[in-house]
Amino acid sequence: MSLSKKAAKAKKIEVKLSVLEWCKQQVKDGKELVIHWEGGGDSGWAHFEIDGQTVDNEYTDHLVDMMYSELDYGSWAGEFNATGFAKFDPAENAFVGIDDYQEDERICYDCNISFKVPNSLWYDRIHYRIECSADESVSTEIDFAIQNGFLSDEHKEMERVLQDVLDDEIPKLIEKFIEEGNEFRDIWESEMFLKTDGEDKGAYTEFKITEIGIGTYRSQEKEIVLYIEEDEIVSEDF
């Protein structure tokens, strides 16, 4: 092979497609290019797919890094979840898609849960705990607290009765919350009543839970458009 032919061959090998040219060539070959992402709560990632299969090469890695910058979630730290995908549109010279963003939120939800405690029982405080999530069943606990004295079998029986009230009312509350168009995430409630907080009804004292903190999500859909400039080239680091 002559020297001139070797030089021409070497020059041809050195010529690389720009990022935009590479994307358009893939589409011209009948392929679908998509960048997916998912994350939140201190971890997240994005990956590149061609025709539904994950692909890693210098172009896809470069484009994934560009998408990380476009999404701007940094280390994905925070009380949120984000998922989405963007498909390459050769007419727009861009990956176009939707980012489905959900941010954790806790609201005070109105309710009316009543406890009726016989006045024959002695106590100073009533502690209650409610725990549940979208993936777990309701867990509740009721405890009488006495500063000077002891708990009797009657106290233990009344704790079971009041716990049954919570076990019955909380699922109804969650169902109502969801029916109103909210997304339920969880309840983590730990509170107490002083004996003086109740209303004396003669034979018993009535206590009312009038609001409960419920975890939910604030959702937002955001259009993602990752433009690729004509002179965008793969980083020399690849």
Protein backbone atom coordinates (compact mmCIF):
# COMPACT_ATOMS: atom_id res chain seq x y z
CA MET A 1 0.00 0.00 0.00
CA SER A 2 1.39 3.39 -0.97
CA LEU A 3 2.15 6.04 1.63
CA SER A 4 -0.62 8.28 0.32
CA LYS A 5 -3.19 5.50 0.62
CA LYS A 6 -2.09 4.71 4.18
CA ALA A 7 -2.44 8.38 5.14
CA ALA A 8 -5.91 8.56 3.60
CA LYS A 9 -6.97 5.42 5.47
CA ALA A 10 -5.65 6.78 8.79
CA LYS A 11 -7.46 10.07 8.23
CA LYS A 12 -10.68 8.19 7.52
CA ILE A 13 -10.34 6.16 10.74
CA GLU A 14 -9.82 9.32 12.80
CA VAL A 15 -13.04 10.96 11.57
CA LYS A 16 -15.81 10.44 14.14
CA LEU A 17 -19.46 11.26 13.88
CA SER A 18 -20.73 14.10 16.02
CA VAL A 19 -23.27 13.15 18.71
CA LEU A 20 -26.13 14.48 16.60
CA GLU A 21 -24.90 12.67 13.48
CA TRP A 22 -24.64 9.43 15.45
CA CYS A 23 -28.20 9.77 16.76
CA LYS A 24 -29.59 10.52 13.33
CA GLN A 25 -27.70 7.64 11.79
CA GLN A 26 -29.27 5.27 14.33
CA VAL A 27 -32.75 6.54 13.48
CA LYS A 28 -31.97 6.30 9.76
CA ASP A 29 -31.13 2.65 10.40
CA GLY A 30 -34.62 2.18 11.85
CA LYS A 31 -33.64 2.24 15.53
CA GLU A 32 -35.41 3.92 18.46
CA LEU A 33 -33.25 5.84 20.93
CA VAL A 34 -34.57 6.41 24.47
CA ILE A 35 -33.01 7.70 27.69
CA HIS A 36 -34.71 6.48 30.90
CA TRP A 37 -34.23 7.79 34.44
CA GLU A 38 -35.46 7.01 37.94
CA GLY A 39 -34.43 8.17 41.39
CA GLY A 40 -34.90 10.15 44.57
CA GLY A 41 -34.17 9.77 48.26
CA ASP A 42 -30.36 9.90 47.79
CA SER A 43 -30.05 7.52 44.84
CA GLY A 44 -30.86 7.69 41.16
CA TRP A 45 -29.67 6.71 37.73
CA ALA A 46 -30.27 7.06 34.00
CA HIS A 47 -29.61 4.59 31.22
CA PHE A 48 -29.74 4.48 27.43
CA GLU A 49 -31.81 2.04 25.39
CA ILE A 50 -31.78 1.24 21.69
CA ASP A 51 -34.87 -0.66 20.58
CA GLY A 52 -35.64 -1.48 24.21
CA GLN A 53 -32.19 -2.90 25.01
CA THR A 54 -29.69 -1.20 27.31
CA VAL A 55 -26.62 -0.02 25.41
CA ASP A 56 -23.34 1.39 26.75
CA ASN A 57 -20.87 3.01 24.41
CA GLU A 58 -19.07 6.33 24.14
CA TYR A 59 -22.07 8.04 22.54
CA THR A 60 -24.70 6.67 24.90
CA ASP A 61 -22.55 7.45 27.95
CA HIS A 62 -22.07 11.01 26.71
CA LEU A 63 -25.81 11.45 26.15
CA VAL A 64 -26.66 10.02 29.57
CA ASP A 65 -24.28 12.55 31.16
CA MET A 66 -26.00 15.31 29.20
CA MET A 67 -29.36 14.11 30.51
CA TYR A 68 -28.08 14.14 34.10
CA SER A 69 -27.18 17.79 33.60
CA GLU A 70 -30.55 18.55 32.02
CA LEU A 71 -32.50 16.90 34.85
CA ASP A 72 -30.30 18.68 37.42
CA TYR A 73 -31.06 16.33 40.33
CA GLY A 74 -27.43 16.25 41.44
CA SER A 75 -26.96 13.36 43.87
CA TRP A 76 -30.74 12.75 43.88
CA ALA A 77 -30.84 13.79 47.55
CA GLY A 78 -34.21 14.83 48.94
CA GLU A 79 -37.69 13.59 49.78
CA PHE A 80 -38.87 13.03 46.22
CA ASN A 81 -39.20 10.48 43.43
CA ALA A 82 -38.67 11.17 39.74
CA THR A 83 -39.17 8.85 36.79
CA GLY A 84 -39.39 9.37 33.07
CA PHE A 85 -37.99 8.83 29.62
CA ALA A 86 -37.15 10.89 26.56
CA LYS A 87 -37.09 9.65 22.97
CA PHE A 88 -34.86 11.07 20.25
CA ASP A 89 -36.76 13.13 17.68
CA PRO A 90 -34.60 13.80 14.61
CA ALA A 91 -36.87 16.64 13.51
CA GLU A 92 -36.21 18.45 16.79
CA ASN A 93 -32.54 17.46 17.14
CA ALA A 94 -33.49 16.55 20.70
CA PHE A 95 -34.54 13.90 23.14
CA VAL A 96 -38.10 14.80 24.12
CA GLY A 97 -40.05 13.33 27.03
CA ILE A 98 -41.77 13.82 30.38
CA ASP A 99 -40.33 13.83 33.90
CA ASP A 100 -42.87 12.60 36.45
CA TYR A 101 -41.84 14.31 39.69
CA GLN A 102 -43.35 13.46 43.08
CA GLU A 103 -42.34 15.32 46.23
CA ASP A 104 -43.13 13.92 49.67
CA GLU A 105 -45.55 16.05 51.65
CA ARG A 106 -47.30 15.70 55.02
CA ILE A 107 -50.65 17.35 55.64
CA CYS A 108 -52.91 17.67 58.67
CA TYR A 109 -56.09 15.83 57.71
CA ASP A 110 -59.33 16.54 59.59
CA CYS A 111 -61.01 13.61 61.30
CA ASN A 112 -63.34 12.82 64.20
CA ILE A 113 -62.23 9.74 66.13
CA SER A 114 -63.75 9.44 69.60
CA PHE A 115 -62.46 7.57 72.67
CA LYS A 116 -64.81 6.94 75.59
CA VAL A 117 -63.04 6.03 78.84
CA PRO A 118 -65.05 5.03 81.95
CA ASN A 119 -64.55 7.41 84.84
CA SER A 120 -64.06 4.41 87.11
CA LEU A 121 -60.53 4.10 85.72
CA TRP A 122 -57.68 6.16 87.13
CA TYR A 123 -54.92 7.52 84.86
CA ASP A 124 -52.96 10.67 84.04
CA ARG A 125 -52.37 10.28 80.30
CA ILE A 126 -53.38 8.18 77.32
CA HIS A 127 -50.71 7.55 74.71
CA TYR A 128 -51.64 6.40 71.22
CA ARG A 129 -49.58 5.36 68.21
CA ILE A 130 -50.68 4.82 64.59
CA GLU A 131 -48.37 3.45 61.91
CA CYS A 132 -49.19 2.34 58.38
CA SER A 133 -48.05 2.81 54.81
CA ALA A 134 -49.38 2.15 51.34
CA ASP A 135 -47.66 -1.25 51.42
CA GLU A 136 -48.40 -2.26 55.01
CA SER A 137 -51.48 -2.78 57.15
CA VAL A 138 -52.46 -0.50 60.03
CA SER A 139 -50.59 -0.96 63.31
CA THR A 140 -51.91 0.78 66.43
CA GLU A 141 -51.17 0.90 70.14
CA ILE A 142 -52.89 2.47 73.18
CA ASP A 143 -51.34 2.85 76.64
CA PHE A 144 -52.60 4.35 79.88
CA ALA A 145 -49.95 6.17 81.92
CA ILE A 146 -50.20 6.61 85.69
CA GLN A 147 -47.76 8.77 87.58
CA ASN A 148 -48.50 7.33 91.01
CA GLY A 149 -50.29 4.02 91.00
CA PHE A 150 -50.64 0.78 89.09
CA LEU A 151 -52.41 -0.52 86.01
CA SER A 152 -55.21 -3.00 86.53
CA ASP A 153 -56.73 -5.65 84.28
CA GLU A 154 -59.49 -3.14 83.55
CA HIS A 155 -56.90 -0.75 82.13
CA LYS A 156 -55.53 -3.48 79.87
CA GLU A 157 -59.00 -4.38 78.66
CA MET A 158 -59.83 -0.74 77.93
CA GLU A 159 -56.54 -0.39 76.01
CA ARG A 160 -57.69 -3.25 73.76
CA VAL A 161 -61.13 -1.64 73.31
CA LEU A 162 -59.61 1.72 72.32
CA GLN A 163 -57.11 0.03 70.03
CA ASP A 164 -60.03 -1.67 68.26
CA VAL A 165 -61.51 1.79 67.70
CA LEU A 166 -58.33 2.92 65.92
CA ASP A 167 -58.06 -0.34 63.97
CA ASP A 168 -61.60 0.25 62.69
CA GLU A 169 -61.46 4.01 62.06
CA ILE A 170 -58.02 4.46 60.46
CA PRO A 171 -58.70 2.30 57.36
CA LYS A 172 -61.95 4.25 56.84
CA LEU A 173 -60.02 7.50 57.13
CA ILE A 174 -57.44 6.35 54.57
CA GLU A 175 -60.17 5.23 52.17
CA LYS A 176 -61.89 8.63 52.45
CA PHE A 177 -58.55 10.38 51.89
CA ILE A 178 -57.95 8.40 48.68
CA GLU A 179 -61.54 8.85 47.44
CA GLU A 180 -61.00 12.61 47.63
CA GLY A 181 -58.30 12.24 44.98
CA ASN A 182 -55.22 12.14 47.22
CA GLU A 183 -52.31 9.73 46.99
CA PHE A 184 -51.74 7.95 50.32
CA ARG A 185 -48.16 7.37 51.42
CA ASP A 186 -48.20 6.76 55.18
CA ILE A 187 -49.27 7.68 58.70
CA TRP A 188 -46.74 7.90 61.54
CA GLU A 189 -48.60 9.38 64.49
CA SER A 190 -47.54 9.25 68.14
CA GLU A 191 -49.46 11.55 70.47
CA MET A 192 -51.07 11.64 73.91
CA PHE A 193 -54.07 13.00 75.79
CA LEU A 194 -53.86 14.41 79.28
CA LYS A 195 -56.82 13.38 81.38
CA THR A 196 -57.83 17.04 81.49
CA ASP A 197 -58.03 17.11 77.67
CA GLY A 198 -61.20 15.00 77.71
CA GLU A 199 -64.80 16.07 78.18
CA ASP A 200 -66.48 14.62 81.27
CA LYS A 201 -69.79 13.04 80.27
CA GLY A 202 -70.68 11.71 83.72
CA ALA A 203 -70.13 7.97 83.41
CA TYR A 204 -67.19 8.40 81.04
CA THR A 205 -64.75 10.95 79.64
CA GLU A 206 -64.64 11.49 75.90
CA PHE A 207 -61.45 12.23 73.98
CA LYS A 208 -61.37 13.19 70.29
CA ILE A 209 -58.68 13.01 67.64
CA THR A 210 -59.59 15.87 65.31
CA GLU A 211 -56.65 15.70 62.88
CA ILE A 212 -53.98 13.24 61.80
CA GLY A 213 -50.79 13.84 59.84
CA ILE A 214 -50.92 11.92 56.55
CA GLY A 215 -48.00 11.54 54.19
CA THR A 216 -48.85 12.10 50.54
CA TYR A 217 -47.21 13.24 47.30
CA ARG A 218 -47.27 16.49 45.39
CA SER A 219 -47.04 15.46 41.74
CA GLN A 220 -45.84 17.46 38.78
CA GLU A 221 -45.16 16.54 35.16
CA LYS A 222 -42.40 18.49 33.45
CA GLU A 223 -41.48 18.39 29.78
CA ILE A 224 -37.87 17.42 29.17
CA VAL A 225 -36.18 18.57 25.96
CA LEU A 226 -32.51 17.71 25.63
CA TYR A 227 -31.26 19.61 22.57
CA ILE A 228 -28.15 18.38 20.81
CA GLU A 229 -26.09 21.02 19.06
CA GLU A 230 -24.67 20.16 15.64
CA ASP A 231 -21.11 20.56 16.91
CA GLU A 232 -21.61 18.42 20.03
CA ILE A 233 -18.85 15.82 20.11
CA VAL A 234 -18.02 12.92 22.40
CA SER A 235 -15.73 13.93 25.24
CA GLU A 236 -12.09 12.98 24.85
CA ASP A 237 -12.38 11.12 28.18
CA PHE A 238 -14.26 8.27 26.44
